[in-house]
C-alpha atoms as a PDB file:
ATOM      1  CA  MET A   1     -11.500  13.097  12.289  1.00  0.00           C
ATOM      2  CA  ASN A   2      -8.257  11.946  13.930  1.00  0.00           C
ATOM      3  CA  TYR A   3      -4.739  12.161  12.500  1.00  0.00           C
ATOM      4  CA  TYR A   4      -4.724   8.592  11.133  1.00  0.00           C
ATOM      5  CA  GLN A   5      -8.130   8.986   9.512  1.00  0.00           C
ATOM      6  CA  GLU A   6      -7.007  12.215   7.842  1.00  0.00           C
ATOM      7  CA  CYS A   7      -3.828  10.566   6.489  1.00  0.00           C
ATOM      8  CA  GLU A   8      -5.790   7.569   5.215  1.00  0.00           C
ATOM      9  CA  LYS A   9      -8.339   9.877   3.562  1.00  0.00           C
ATOM     10  CA  VAL A  10      -5.580  11.619   1.591  1.00  0.00           C
ATOM     11  CA  GLY A  11      -4.144   8.252   0.532  1.00  0.00           C
ATOM     12  CA  ASP A  12      -7.549   6.927  -0.473  1.00  0.00           C
ATOM     13  CA  GLU A  13      -8.241   9.962  -2.648  1.00  0.00           C
ATOM     14  CA  LEU A  14      -4.868   9.722  -4.402  1.00  0.00           C
ATOM     15  CA  PHE A  15      -5.229   5.960  -4.848  1.00  0.00           C
ATOM     16  CA  THR A  16      -8.766   5.981  -6.241  1.00  0.00           C
ATOM     17  CA  SER A  17      -7.875   8.822  -8.619  1.00  0.00           C
ATOM     18  CA  TRP A  18      -4.817   6.886  -9.882  1.00  0.00           C
ATOM     19  CA  ALA A  19      -6.704   3.572 -10.090  1.00  0.00           C
ATOM     20  CA  ASN A  20      -9.499   5.188 -12.109  1.00  0.00           C
ATOM     21  CA  LYS A  21      -6.985   6.782 -14.490  1.00  0.00           C
ATOM     22  CA  VAL A  22      -5.068   3.573 -15.178  1.00  0.00           C
ATOM     23  CA  GLY A  23      -8.142   1.333 -15.117  1.00  0.00           C
ATOM     24  CA  CYS A  24      -6.393  -1.706 -13.673  1.00  0.00           C
ATOM     25  CA  PHE A  25      -9.187  -2.776 -11.290  1.00  0.00           C
ATOM     26  CA  THR A  26     -12.810  -3.753 -11.820  1.00  0.00           C
ATOM     27  CA  GLU A  27     -13.527  -4.007  -8.083  1.00  0.00           C
ATOM     28  CA  MET A  28     -12.027  -2.068  -5.177  1.00  0.00           C
ATOM     29  CA  GLU A  29     -12.827  -2.571  -1.491  1.00  0.00           C
ATOM     30  CA  ARG A  30     -11.456  -0.350   1.278  1.00  0.00           C
ATOM     31  CA  GLN A  31     -10.331  -2.254   4.365  1.00  0.00           C
ATOM     32  CA  ASP A  32     -10.638  -1.165   7.996  1.00  0.00           C
ATOM     33  CA  LEU A  33      -8.598   1.843   9.130  1.00  0.00           C
ATOM     34  CA  TYR A  34      -6.017  -0.100  11.170  1.00  0.00           C
ATOM     35  CA  SER A  35      -5.705  -3.176   8.960  1.00  0.00           C
ATOM     36  CA  ARG A  36      -2.381  -4.249   7.435  1.00  0.00           C
ATOM     37  CA  CYS A  37      -3.761  -3.808   3.933  1.00  0.00           C
ATOM     38  CA  ASP A  38      -5.589  -0.670   2.787  1.00  0.00           C
ATOM     39  CA  TRP A  39      -7.430  -1.954  -0.285  1.00  0.00           C
ATOM     40  CA  ILE A  40      -8.310  -5.352  -1.745  1.00  0.00           C
ATOM     41  CA  CYS A  41      -8.858  -5.046  -5.477  1.00  0.00           C
ATOM     42  CA  LYS A  42      -9.691  -7.327  -8.367  1.00  0.00           C
ATOM     43  CA  THR A  43      -8.557  -7.078 -11.995  1.00  0.00           C
ATOM     44  CA  SER A  44     -10.697  -7.805 -15.054  1.00  0.00           C
ATOM     45  CA  LYS A  45      -9.026 -11.245 -15.170  1.00  0.00           C
ATOM     46  CA  GLY A  46     -10.182 -11.983 -11.621  1.00  0.00           C
ATOM     47  CA  VAL A  47      -6.735 -11.583 -10.042  1.00  0.00           C
ATOM     48  CA  VAL A  48      -6.902 -10.321  -6.440  1.00  0.00           C
ATOM     49  CA  VAL A  49      -4.394  -7.658  -5.341  1.00  0.00           C
ATOM     50  CA  ASN A  50      -3.695  -6.440  -1.797  1.00  0.00           C
ATOM     51  CA  CYS A  51      -2.770  -2.757  -1.975  1.00  0.00           C
ATOM     52  CA  GLU A  52      -0.906  -1.167   0.921  1.00  0.00           C
ATOM     53  CA  LEU A  53      -0.644   2.603   0.487  1.00  0.00           C
ATOM     54  CA  LYS A  54       1.943   5.106   1.660  1.00  0.00           C
ATOM     55  CA  VAL A  55       1.637   8.840   1.049  1.00  0.00           C
ATOM     56  CA  ARG A  56       4.928  10.717   1.215  1.00  0.00           C
ATOM     57  CA  ASN A  57       5.963  14.349   0.930  1.00  0.00           C
ATOM     58  CA  SER A  58       8.590  13.294  -1.601  1.00  0.00           C
ATOM     59  CA  LEU A  59       9.628  10.124  -3.398  1.00  0.00           C
ATOM     60  CA  ASN A  60      13.235  11.295  -3.714  1.00  0.00           C
ATOM     61  CA  TRP A  61      14.688   8.845  -1.198  1.00  0.00           C
ATOM     62  CA  PRO A  62      17.496   6.330  -1.747  1.00  0.00           C
ATOM     63  CA  THR A  63      15.361   3.653  -0.060  1.00  0.00           C
ATOM     64  CA  ILE A  64      11.671   3.072   0.521  1.00  0.00           C
ATOM     65  CA  PHE A  65      10.558   1.605   3.843  1.00  0.00           C
ATOM     66  CA  ILE A  66       7.616  -0.659   4.582  1.00  0.00           C
ATOM     67  CA  GLU A  67       6.851  -1.782   8.101  1.00  0.00           C
ATOM     68  CA  ILE A  68       8.007  -5.367   8.642  1.00  0.00           C
ATOM     69  CA  GLY A  69       4.608  -6.482   9.928  1.00  0.00           C
ATOM     70  CA  LYS A  70       2.880  -5.205   6.803  1.00  0.00           C
ATOM     71  CA  TYR A  71       5.508  -6.744   4.536  1.00  0.00           C
ATOM     72  CA  ASN A  72       5.209 -10.127   6.242  1.00  0.00           C
ATOM     73  CA  TYR A  73       1.407  -9.991   6.143  1.00  0.00           C
ATOM     74  CA  LEU A  74       1.316  -9.182   2.418  1.00  0.00           C
ATOM     75  CA  ILE A  75       3.889 -11.866   1.551  1.00  0.00           C
ATOM     76  CA  ASP A  76       2.081 -14.453   3.695  1.00  0.00           C
ATOM     77  CA  LYS A  77      -1.187 -13.688   1.875  1.00  0.00           C
ATOM     78  CA  TRP A  78       0.646 -14.228  -1.428  1.00  0.00           C
ATOM     79  CA  LYS A  79       2.096 -17.562  -0.276  1.00  0.00           C
ATOM     80  CA  GLU A  80      -1.133 -18.817   1.302  1.00  0.00           C
ATOM     81  CA  GLU A  81      -3.848 -17.399  -0.963  1.00  0.00           C
ATOM     82  CA  ASN A  82      -2.092 -16.124  -4.122  1.00  0.00           C
ATOM     83  CA  ILE A  83      -3.208 -12.559  -3.401  1.00  0.00           C
ATOM     84  CA  ILE A  84      -0.725 -10.302  -5.195  1.00  0.00           C
ATOM     85  CA  PRO A  85       1.047  -7.916  -2.767  1.00  0.00           C
ATOM     86  CA  TRP A  86       1.467  -4.332  -3.967  1.00  0.00           C
ATOM     87  CA  TYR A  87       3.105  -1.562  -1.944  1.00  0.00           C
ATOM     88  CA  ILE A  88       2.030   1.734  -3.486  1.00  0.00           C
ATOM     89  CA  ASN A  89       3.888   4.959  -2.681  1.00  0.00           C
ATOM     90  CA  MET A  90       2.290   8.246  -3.704  1.00  0.00           C
ATOM     91  CA  SER A  91       3.365  11.866  -3.692  1.00  0.00           C
ATOM     92  CA  GLY A  92       1.137  14.282  -5.566  1.00  0.00           C
ATOM     93  CA  ASP A  93       0.716  12.995  -9.119  1.00  0.00           C
ATOM     94  CA  THR A  94       3.614  10.530  -8.806  1.00  0.00           C
ATOM     95  CA  VAL A  95       2.787   6.905  -8.019  1.00  0.00           C
ATOM     96  CA  LEU A  96       5.327   4.106  -7.505  1.00  0.00           C
ATOM     97  CA  VAL A  97       3.950   0.555  -7.399  1.00  0.00           C
ATOM     98  CA  PHE A  98       6.132  -2.196  -5.959  1.00  0.00           C
ATOM     99  CA  ASP A  99       5.092  -5.796  -6.592  1.00  0.00           C
ATOM    100  CA  LEU A 100       6.467  -7.325  -3.402  1.00  0.00           C
ATOM    101  CA  ARG A 101       6.731 -10.744  -5.067  1.00  0.00           C
ATOM    102  CA  LYS A 102       9.555  -9.284  -7.154  1.00  0.00           C
ATOM    103  CA  VAL A 103      11.192  -6.969  -4.617  1.00  0.00           C
ATOM    104  CA  LYS A 104      13.628  -8.469  -2.155  1.00  0.00           C
ATOM    105  CA  PRO A 105      14.230  -6.465   1.008  1.00  0.00           C
ATOM    106  CA  ILE A 106      17.801  -5.415   1.586  1.00  0.00           C
ATOM    107  CA  LYS A 107      17.405  -5.720   5.329  1.00  0.00           C
ATOM    108  CA  ARG A 108      14.537  -6.677   7.577  1.00  0.00           C
ATOM    109  CA  THR A 109      14.461  -4.815  10.835  1.00  0.00           C
ATOM    110  CA  THR A 110      12.028  -3.300  13.258  1.00  0.00           C
ATOM    111  CA  VAL A 111      11.750   0.483  12.925  1.00  0.00           C
ATOM    112  CA  ARG A 112       9.979   2.792  15.351  1.00  0.00           C
ATOM    113  CA  ILE A 113       8.095   5.420  13.401  1.00  0.00           C
ATOM    114  CA  TRP A 114       7.382   8.637  15.275  1.00  0.00           C
ATOM    115  CA  SER A 115       4.208  10.405  14.265  1.00  0.00           C
ATOM    116  CA  LYS A 116       2.274  13.423  15.456  1.00  0.00           C
ATOM    117  CA  PRO A 117      -0.144  11.636  17.826  1.00  0.00           C
ATOM    118  CA  ASP A 118       2.680   9.653  19.460  1.00  0.00           C
END
């Protein structure tokens, strides 16, 4: 298993545990490893939600970043197909859900993220 697969596995486990506890989805479908959306889910009312996950060591940051390409993709899907865009940040038992329809970015910029394989 490579680094990205391992990170996604941790996120998937945290997400499915949280989703099962809160019971907000009746259907959940994992997307491909390198897609711009991790999960496509459906509520009991038939509302479709794109869920982009981020696992962090801590949620004690003054700002939360989302890659601009992912943000644009999720917002475009909302505008074109009415798929609700959620950006879900997780750290241990803490889960923060941002409905991107209601969150306005302070600044859009390209950020280079350095990770272990790079």
